Amino acid sequence: MFLFFLLSTTMPSERITSRRETTLEKRADVWAWYRVGKTYSEIGRLTDLTKSTVAKVVQREKKRTGQDRFSNAPRPGRPPKLTPKGERRLLRAASKDTRATLAALSTPSKSGKQLSRTTVRKVLKKNGKARRRARRKPYISKVHKRRRVRFGKAEKRRNWRRVCWSDESNFEIGYDGRNWWITRAPGEEYLEKNLKPSFKSGRTSVGVWGCFMDTTLGPLVILPKGARMNQTRYTEEILKPHFVPFYKKMRRKYGREVVMQEDGAKYHFAPIPAAYKESHKVQRLDWPPQSPDLSPIENLWKQLKDRISARKHRIRSIQEMEIALQQEWAKIEEEVLERLMESMPNRINLMLANKGGSIKY
């Protein structure tokens, strides 16, 4: 007796019975047998149901009519944790402070009730919102936004195919900025075949300058290692030997409509390069500050970096990187440049619609 008591107190409790819902077919059978005059006991034996279950089915079906009389009645389910007003309060709080964590949004001050993070997540998802990683973009002040809007309105009808796009970029040796997608099972994330390897490169990088116009690639200039760009170097190593000859070639081909685009780096507008561009009648586009998302050459750099990263053999030195850059630059197809040109009207329209704010490019 003592042993039975000990086992009964230590063993986990189990459900003695398990309630199963009577199927639609069996409910139909019960009703059919009842209609032909069978008793509850006889119907129970014919359908393998208890007498009480048969009685409940019959009494329920007597109250129902229509073709779907044997289907399950709608259940109210558990009442929602939040009222519609509480949901609206929660959504306003999430929109006001987009950086608020799920734990912070679950407090009573946000919706009027203490919620779990799972409930908050479900309410956000129901209304088309979710916690997502923030995009990295340059900071755009109110002054910058106004200048971007002014630029967009003034240049909306410009022929962007007559703009010489120019910029500088850096390519780090050993860095792979592509996203790798793999197929694996849970627990296999650290298998060698599923890893994206990184290499110590000492953060050695190669600086370049390049330009293009419409579907015509300009020169790609490898900048000297460790050289800090200034107005003299920009004039003597970029403008004189490379950009101005390319610019004049485009002017001879397309006429006076051709203009130069360059970002707001200080050495671009210093006295020496400014005087040199003026002496050669280089017309400049009044480019707004903090606007890499409007410049298609930024996307061209991304394409070039992906092509360098996709090379079968890893680049190990500056010399190898310089050779690879020139080779991949020469391989850029006209279709790539064509797509970049076609994106310009959309970039301007998106920026204006966002009142000068950042856009997806």
Protein backbone atom coordinates (compact mmCIF):
# COMPACT_ATOMS: atom_id res chain seq x y z
CA MET A 1 0.00 0.00 0.00
CA PHE A 2 2.83 2.38 0.88
CA LEU A 3 4.63 1.51 -2.35
CA PHE A 4 1.50 2.23 -4.40
CA PHE A 5 1.10 5.60 -2.65
CA LEU A 6 4.76 6.47 -3.31
CA LEU A 7 4.51 5.59 -7.01
CA SER A 8 1.28 7.52 -7.39
CA THR A 9 2.87 10.66 -5.94
CA THR A 10 6.14 10.48 -7.87
CA MET A 11 4.96 9.40 -11.31
CA PRO A 12 3.70 12.17 -13.61
CA SER A 13 -0.04 12.37 -13.98
CA GLU A 14 -1.59 11.28 -17.27
CA ARG A 15 -4.95 11.99 -18.77
CA ILE A 16 -7.26 9.09 -18.06
CA THR A 17 -9.46 9.82 -21.09
CA SER A 18 -8.82 11.64 -24.30
CA ARG A 19 -11.78 13.43 -25.84
CA ARG A 20 -12.05 13.16 -29.59
CA GLU A 21 -14.38 15.11 -31.78
CA THR A 22 -17.04 13.05 -33.56
CA THR A 23 -16.37 13.13 -37.28
CA LEU A 24 -18.79 14.61 -39.78
CA GLU A 25 -19.41 11.17 -41.32
CA LYS A 26 -20.32 9.60 -37.97
CA ARG A 27 -22.68 12.45 -37.12
CA ALA A 28 -24.38 11.92 -40.46
CA ASP A 29 -24.65 8.17 -39.76
CA VAL A 30 -26.16 8.80 -36.32
CA TRP A 31 -28.75 11.12 -37.79
CA ALA A 32 -29.60 8.66 -40.59
CA TRP A 33 -30.13 5.76 -38.13
CA TYR A 34 -32.22 8.01 -35.89
CA ARG A 35 -34.43 8.99 -38.83
CA VAL A 36 -35.20 5.33 -39.58
CA GLY A 37 -36.33 4.74 -36.00
CA LYS A 38 -33.31 3.24 -34.26
CA THR A 39 -32.90 3.79 -30.50
CA TYR A 40 -29.89 5.52 -28.98
CA SER A 41 -28.50 2.19 -27.74
CA GLU A 42 -28.88 0.55 -31.17
CA ILE A 43 -27.26 3.53 -32.90
CA GLY A 44 -24.36 3.40 -30.42
CA ARG A 45 -23.70 -0.25 -31.27
CA LEU A 46 -23.91 0.45 -35.02
CA THR A 47 -21.60 3.46 -34.94
CA ASP A 48 -19.29 2.43 -32.07
CA LEU A 49 -20.30 5.46 -29.99
CA THR A 50 -21.57 5.76 -26.44
CA LYS A 51 -25.27 6.27 -25.81
CA SER A 52 -24.64 9.74 -24.35
CA THR A 53 -22.66 10.81 -27.40
CA VAL A 54 -25.44 9.59 -29.69
CA ALA A 55 -27.99 11.55 -27.65
CA LYS A 56 -25.93 14.75 -27.81
CA VAL A 57 -25.45 14.41 -31.56
CA VAL A 58 -29.16 13.87 -32.16
CA GLN A 59 -30.24 16.76 -29.92
CA ARG A 60 -27.71 19.09 -31.60
CA GLU A 61 -28.74 18.12 -35.11
CA LYS A 62 -32.43 18.64 -34.33
CA LYS A 63 -31.68 22.35 -33.83
CA ARG A 64 -29.71 22.76 -37.08
CA THR A 65 -30.90 23.01 -40.67
CA GLY A 66 -29.32 23.50 -44.06
CA GLN A 67 -26.86 21.62 -46.21
CA ASP A 68 -23.93 22.12 -43.81
CA ARG A 69 -25.88 20.89 -40.77
CA PHE A 70 -23.23 18.30 -39.88
CA SER A 71 -20.24 20.68 -40.14
CA ASN A 72 -18.50 22.04 -37.05
CA ALA A 73 -20.04 25.14 -35.57
CA PRO A 74 -17.74 28.19 -35.39
CA ARG A 75 -15.90 28.48 -32.08
CA PRO A 76 -15.28 31.83 -30.43
CA GLY A 77 -11.79 30.84 -29.30
CA ARG A 78 -9.71 32.67 -26.77
CA PRO A 79 -10.56 36.38 -26.59
CA PRO A 80 -7.82 38.66 -27.97
CA LYS A 81 -5.37 40.05 -25.46
CA LEU A 82 -5.71 43.56 -26.88
CA THR A 83 -8.73 45.54 -27.92
CA PRO A 84 -8.59 47.36 -31.29
CA LYS A 85 -7.82 50.54 -29.38
CA GLY A 86 -4.92 48.82 -27.58
CA GLU A 87 -3.56 47.58 -30.92
CA ARG A 88 -3.65 51.11 -32.31
CA ARG A 89 -1.78 52.40 -29.25
CA LEU A 90 0.86 49.72 -29.68
CA LEU A 91 1.28 50.51 -33.39
CA ARG A 92 1.61 54.22 -32.68
CA ALA A 93 4.29 53.51 -30.08
CA ALA A 94 6.18 51.23 -32.50
CA SER A 95 5.99 53.85 -35.29
CA LYS A 96 7.07 56.67 -33.00
CA ASP A 97 10.13 54.82 -31.69
CA THR A 98 11.20 52.32 -34.34
CA ARG A 99 14.26 51.31 -32.29
CA ALA A 100 12.18 50.20 -29.29
CA THR A 101 12.74 46.50 -28.54
CA LEU A 102 9.94 43.94 -28.30
CA ALA A 103 10.47 43.89 -24.53
CA ALA A 104 9.97 47.66 -24.37
CA LEU A 105 6.86 47.49 -26.55
CA SER A 106 5.36 44.79 -24.33
CA THR A 107 5.07 47.08 -21.28
CA PRO A 108 1.65 48.49 -20.21
CA SER A 109 2.72 52.04 -21.08
CA LYS A 110 2.65 51.17 -24.80
CA SER A 111 -0.70 49.37 -25.13
CA GLY A 112 -2.41 49.49 -21.75
CA LYS A 113 -1.59 45.85 -20.89
CA GLN A 114 1.44 43.77 -20.08
CA LEU A 115 2.12 41.62 -23.13
CA SER A 116 4.56 38.91 -24.07
CA ARG A 117 7.09 39.54 -26.80
CA THR A 118 5.35 36.87 -28.89
CA THR A 119 2.05 38.77 -28.70
CA VAL A 120 3.76 42.02 -29.69
CA ARG A 121 5.40 40.28 -32.62
CA LYS A 122 2.05 38.84 -33.77
CA VAL A 123 0.30 42.22 -33.55
CA LEU A 124 3.09 43.86 -35.56
CA LYS A 125 3.01 41.10 -38.19
CA LYS A 126 -0.78 41.32 -38.45
CA ASN A 127 -0.37 45.00 -39.36
CA GLY A 128 2.48 44.47 -41.84
CA LYS A 129 5.32 45.38 -39.48
CA ALA A 130 8.29 43.41 -38.15
CA ARG A 131 11.67 43.91 -36.51
CA ARG A 132 14.21 44.27 -39.32
CA ARG A 133 17.84 45.23 -39.61
CA ALA A 134 18.36 48.97 -40.17
CA ARG A 135 19.91 49.98 -43.51
CA ARG A 136 23.20 51.86 -43.38
CA LYS A 137 22.96 55.23 -45.09
CA PRO A 138 24.81 58.57 -44.78
CA TYR A 139 23.20 60.98 -42.34
CA ILE A 140 21.09 63.59 -44.17
CA SER A 141 20.35 66.75 -42.24
CA LYS A 142 17.36 69.03 -42.89
CA VAL A 143 19.63 71.41 -44.83
CA HIS A 144 20.88 68.53 -46.99
CA LYS A 145 17.31 67.35 -47.63
CA ARG A 146 16.30 70.80 -48.84
CA ARG A 147 19.29 70.94 -51.18
CA ARG A 148 18.52 67.46 -52.52
CA VAL A 149 14.91 68.44 -53.20
CA ARG A 150 16.02 71.64 -54.94
CA PHE A 151 18.43 69.63 -57.06
CA GLY A 152 15.79 67.03 -57.95
CA LYS A 153 13.24 69.64 -59.03
CA ALA A 154 15.78 71.63 -61.05
CA GLU A 155 17.35 68.61 -62.78
CA LYS A 156 14.31 66.36 -63.16
CA ARG A 157 14.25 66.72 -66.94
CA ARG A 158 18.02 66.48 -67.48
CA ASN A 159 19.38 63.99 -69.97
CA TRP A 160 21.38 61.82 -67.54
CA ARG A 161 23.12 60.07 -70.43
CA ARG A 162 25.12 63.25 -71.01
CA VAL A 163 26.64 63.27 -67.52
CA CYS A 164 30.23 62.10 -66.94
CA TRP A 165 29.97 60.23 -63.63
CA SER A 166 33.22 60.17 -61.64
CA ASP A 167 34.24 58.95 -58.20
CA GLU A 168 36.94 57.33 -56.07
CA SER A 169 36.73 53.99 -54.26
CA ASN A 170 38.86 51.55 -52.24
CA PHE A 171 39.22 47.80 -52.72
CA GLU A 172 40.43 45.87 -49.68
CA ILE A 173 42.55 42.79 -50.31
CA GLY A 174 40.98 39.63 -48.90
CA TYR A 175 37.55 41.17 -48.31
CA ASP A 176 34.43 39.54 -49.76
CA GLY A 177 31.31 41.67 -49.43
CA ARG A 178 28.96 39.26 -51.19
CA ASN A 179 26.13 37.47 -49.39
CA TRP A 180 26.58 33.70 -49.45
CA TRP A 181 23.46 31.52 -49.32
CA ILE A 182 23.87 27.83 -48.48
CA THR A 183 21.61 24.83 -47.95
CA ARG A 184 22.18 23.15 -44.59
CA ALA A 185 20.41 21.40 -41.74
CA PRO A 186 20.21 22.70 -38.15
CA GLY A 187 23.51 22.23 -36.33
CA GLU A 188 25.60 22.24 -39.53
CA GLU A 189 26.45 25.95 -39.51
CA TYR A 190 30.10 25.37 -38.51
CA LEU A 191 30.94 22.65 -41.01
CA GLU A 192 33.76 23.81 -43.27
CA LYS A 193 31.62 23.51 -46.41
CA ASN A 194 29.04 25.86 -44.89
CA LEU A 195 31.41 28.65 -43.78
CA LYS A 196 32.22 31.91 -45.54
CA PRO A 197 35.97 32.19 -44.90
CA SER A 198 37.68 35.47 -44.07
CA PHE A 199 41.39 36.16 -44.38
CA LYS A 200 43.75 38.43 -42.52
CA SER A 201 44.82 41.04 -45.02
CA GLY A 202 46.25 43.72 -42.74
CA ARG A 203 43.49 45.92 -44.18
CA THR A 204 45.65 46.61 -47.23
CA SER A 205 43.59 48.35 -49.87
CA VAL A 206 43.98 49.76 -53.35
CA GLY A 207 42.49 53.14 -54.18
CA VAL A 208 41.06 53.82 -57.62
CA TRP A 209 39.36 56.60 -59.55
CA GLY A 210 37.05 55.95 -62.48
CA CYS A 211 34.39 57.52 -64.67
CA PHE A 212 31.84 56.66 -67.31
CA MET A 213 29.18 58.33 -69.43
CA ASP A 214 26.06 56.64 -70.79
CA THR A 215 27.30 53.22 -71.98
CA THR A 216 30.92 54.35 -72.45
CA LEU A 217 33.50 53.43 -69.83
CA GLY A 218 36.18 55.96 -69.04
CA PRO A 219 39.64 55.19 -67.67
CA LEU A 220 40.22 53.42 -64.35
CA VAL A 221 43.15 55.01 -62.50
CA ILE A 222 45.06 53.13 -59.80
CA LEU A 223 46.06 55.59 -57.10
CA PRO A 224 49.56 55.37 -55.57
CA LYS A 225 49.77 53.29 -52.41
CA GLY A 226 49.49 55.34 -49.23
CA ALA A 227 49.11 58.59 -51.16
CA ARG A 228 46.67 61.01 -49.57
CA MET A 229 44.53 62.69 -52.19
CA ASN A 230 44.76 66.50 -52.27
CA GLN A 231 44.04 69.24 -54.79
CA THR A 232 47.46 69.06 -56.42
CA ARG A 233 47.44 65.28 -56.78
CA TYR A 234 43.84 65.33 -58.02
CA THR A 235 44.74 67.86 -60.70
CA GLU A 236 48.04 66.34 -61.82
CA GLU A 237 47.17 62.62 -61.59
CA ILE A 238 43.45 62.56 -62.38
CA LEU A 239 42.18 65.63 -64.23
CA LYS A 240 45.08 66.36 -66.58
CA PRO A 241 46.02 62.89 -67.85
CA HIS A 242 42.66 61.09 -67.60
CA PHE A 243 39.42 62.96 -66.99
CA VAL A 244 39.76 66.06 -69.16
CA PRO A 245 40.80 64.05 -72.27
CA PHE A 246 37.79 61.74 -71.72
CA TYR A 247 35.52 64.73 -71.14
CA LYS A 248 36.67 66.48 -74.33
CA LYS A 249 36.18 63.26 -76.29
CA MET A 250 32.58 63.06 -75.06
CA ARG A 251 32.02 66.76 -75.84
CA ARG A 252 33.23 66.27 -79.41
CA LYS A 253 30.87 63.32 -79.80
CA TYR A 254 27.74 64.63 -78.02
CA GLY A 255 28.11 68.41 -77.89
CA ARG A 256 27.91 71.06 -75.19
CA GLU A 257 25.23 69.18 -73.24
CA VAL A 258 27.93 67.02 -71.57
CA VAL A 259 28.63 67.90 -67.91
CA MET A 260 30.84 66.51 -65.15
CA GLN A 261 29.55 65.00 -61.91
CA GLU A 262 31.70 64.67 -58.80
CA ASP A 263 30.83 64.42 -55.13
CA GLY A 264 31.49 66.98 -52.39
CA ALA A 265 35.07 66.01 -51.48
CA LYS A 266 37.01 69.17 -50.55
CA TYR A 267 39.83 68.64 -53.02
CA HIS A 268 37.30 68.55 -55.88
CA PHE A 269 36.50 72.24 -55.34
CA ALA A 270 39.86 73.54 -54.13
CA PRO A 271 41.42 76.46 -56.07
CA ILE A 272 43.89 74.45 -58.18
CA PRO A 273 41.46 71.89 -59.69
CA ALA A 274 38.72 74.54 -59.92
CA ALA A 275 40.99 76.80 -61.98
CA TYR A 276 42.12 73.93 -64.19
CA LYS A 277 38.54 72.83 -64.94
CA GLU A 278 37.55 76.40 -65.69
CA SER A 279 40.48 76.86 -68.07
CA HIS A 280 39.35 73.78 -70.02
CA LYS A 281 35.69 74.82 -69.93
CA VAL A 282 34.55 71.81 -67.95
CA GLN A 283 30.90 72.26 -67.04
CA ARG A 284 30.01 70.81 -63.64
CA LEU A 285 26.75 69.45 -62.32
CA ASP A 286 25.74 71.18 -59.07
CA TRP A 287 25.68 67.92 -57.10
CA PRO A 288 23.90 67.92 -53.68
CA PRO A 289 25.77 66.81 -50.54
CA GLN A 290 25.31 63.39 -48.93
CA SER A 291 23.90 61.91 -52.12
CA PRO A 292 25.72 58.67 -53.04
CA ASP A 293 22.32 57.02 -53.49
CA LEU A 294 21.66 59.31 -56.48
CA SER A 295 24.96 58.50 -58.21
CA PRO A 296 24.97 55.37 -60.40
CA ILE A 297 28.75 55.03 -60.24
CA GLU A 298 28.37 53.90 -56.61
CA ASN A 299 26.45 50.88 -57.89
CA LEU A 300 29.16 50.32 -60.48
CA TRP A 301 31.75 50.09 -57.69
CA LYS A 302 29.58 47.45 -55.98
CA GLN A 303 29.45 45.45 -59.20
CA LEU A 304 33.22 45.69 -59.56
CA LYS A 305 33.78 44.57 -55.95
CA ASP A 306 31.50 41.57 -56.44
CA ARG A 307 33.40 40.58 -59.57
CA ILE A 308 36.72 40.84 -57.75
CA SER A 309 35.35 38.73 -54.86
CA ALA A 310 34.01 36.10 -57.27
CA ARG A 311 37.45 35.38 -58.72
CA LYS A 312 38.39 31.74 -58.29
CA HIS A 313 41.87 32.44 -56.94
CA ARG A 314 42.24 34.74 -53.96
CA ILE A 315 44.10 38.00 -54.54
CA ARG A 316 47.10 38.20 -52.19
CA SER A 317 49.00 41.35 -53.14
CA ILE A 318 48.54 44.93 -54.30
CA GLN A 319 49.98 44.08 -57.71
CA GLU A 320 47.49 41.22 -58.19
CA MET A 321 44.64 43.52 -57.11
CA GLU A 322 45.69 46.24 -59.57
CA ILE A 323 45.79 43.75 -62.45
CA ALA A 324 42.44 42.22 -61.47
CA LEU A 325 40.79 45.65 -61.22
CA GLN A 326 41.88 46.67 -64.72
CA GLN A 327 40.78 43.34 -66.15
CA GLU A 328 37.33 43.37 -64.51
CA TRP A 329 36.77 47.06 -65.33
CA ALA A 330 37.36 46.32 -69.01
CA LYS A 331 34.83 43.44 -68.86
CA ILE A 332 31.90 45.58 -67.66
CA GLU A 333 29.15 45.15 -70.24
CA GLU A 334 27.18 47.96 -71.86
CA GLU A 335 24.00 46.35 -70.51
CA VAL A 336 25.18 47.08 -66.95
CA LEU A 337 25.70 50.76 -67.74
CA GLU A 338 22.40 50.88 -69.62
CA ARG A 339 20.49 49.66 -66.54
CA LEU A 340 22.22 52.26 -64.38
CA MET A 341 21.19 55.01 -66.78
CA GLU A 342 17.61 53.78 -66.87
CA SER A 343 17.47 53.96 -63.06
CA MET A 344 18.15 57.71 -62.87
CA PRO A 345 14.57 59.01 -63.31
CA ASN A 346 13.38 56.56 -60.67
CA ARG A 347 16.11 57.69 -58.25
CA ILE A 348 15.06 61.33 -58.59
CA ASN A 349 11.36 60.53 -58.23
CA LEU A 350 11.93 58.38 -55.14
CA MET A 351 14.06 61.07 -53.52
CA LEU A 352 11.45 63.74 -54.16
CA ALA A 353 8.69 61.47 -52.86
CA ASN A 354 10.76 60.94 -49.69
CA LYS A 355 11.17 64.74 -49.34
CA GLY A 356 14.93 64.59 -49.80
CA GLY A 357 15.47 61.53 -47.60
CA SER A 358 17.46 58.38 -48.39
CA ILE A 359 16.31 55.98 -51.09
CA LYS A 360 16.88 52.29 -51.78
CA TYR A 361 19.80 52.70 -54.22
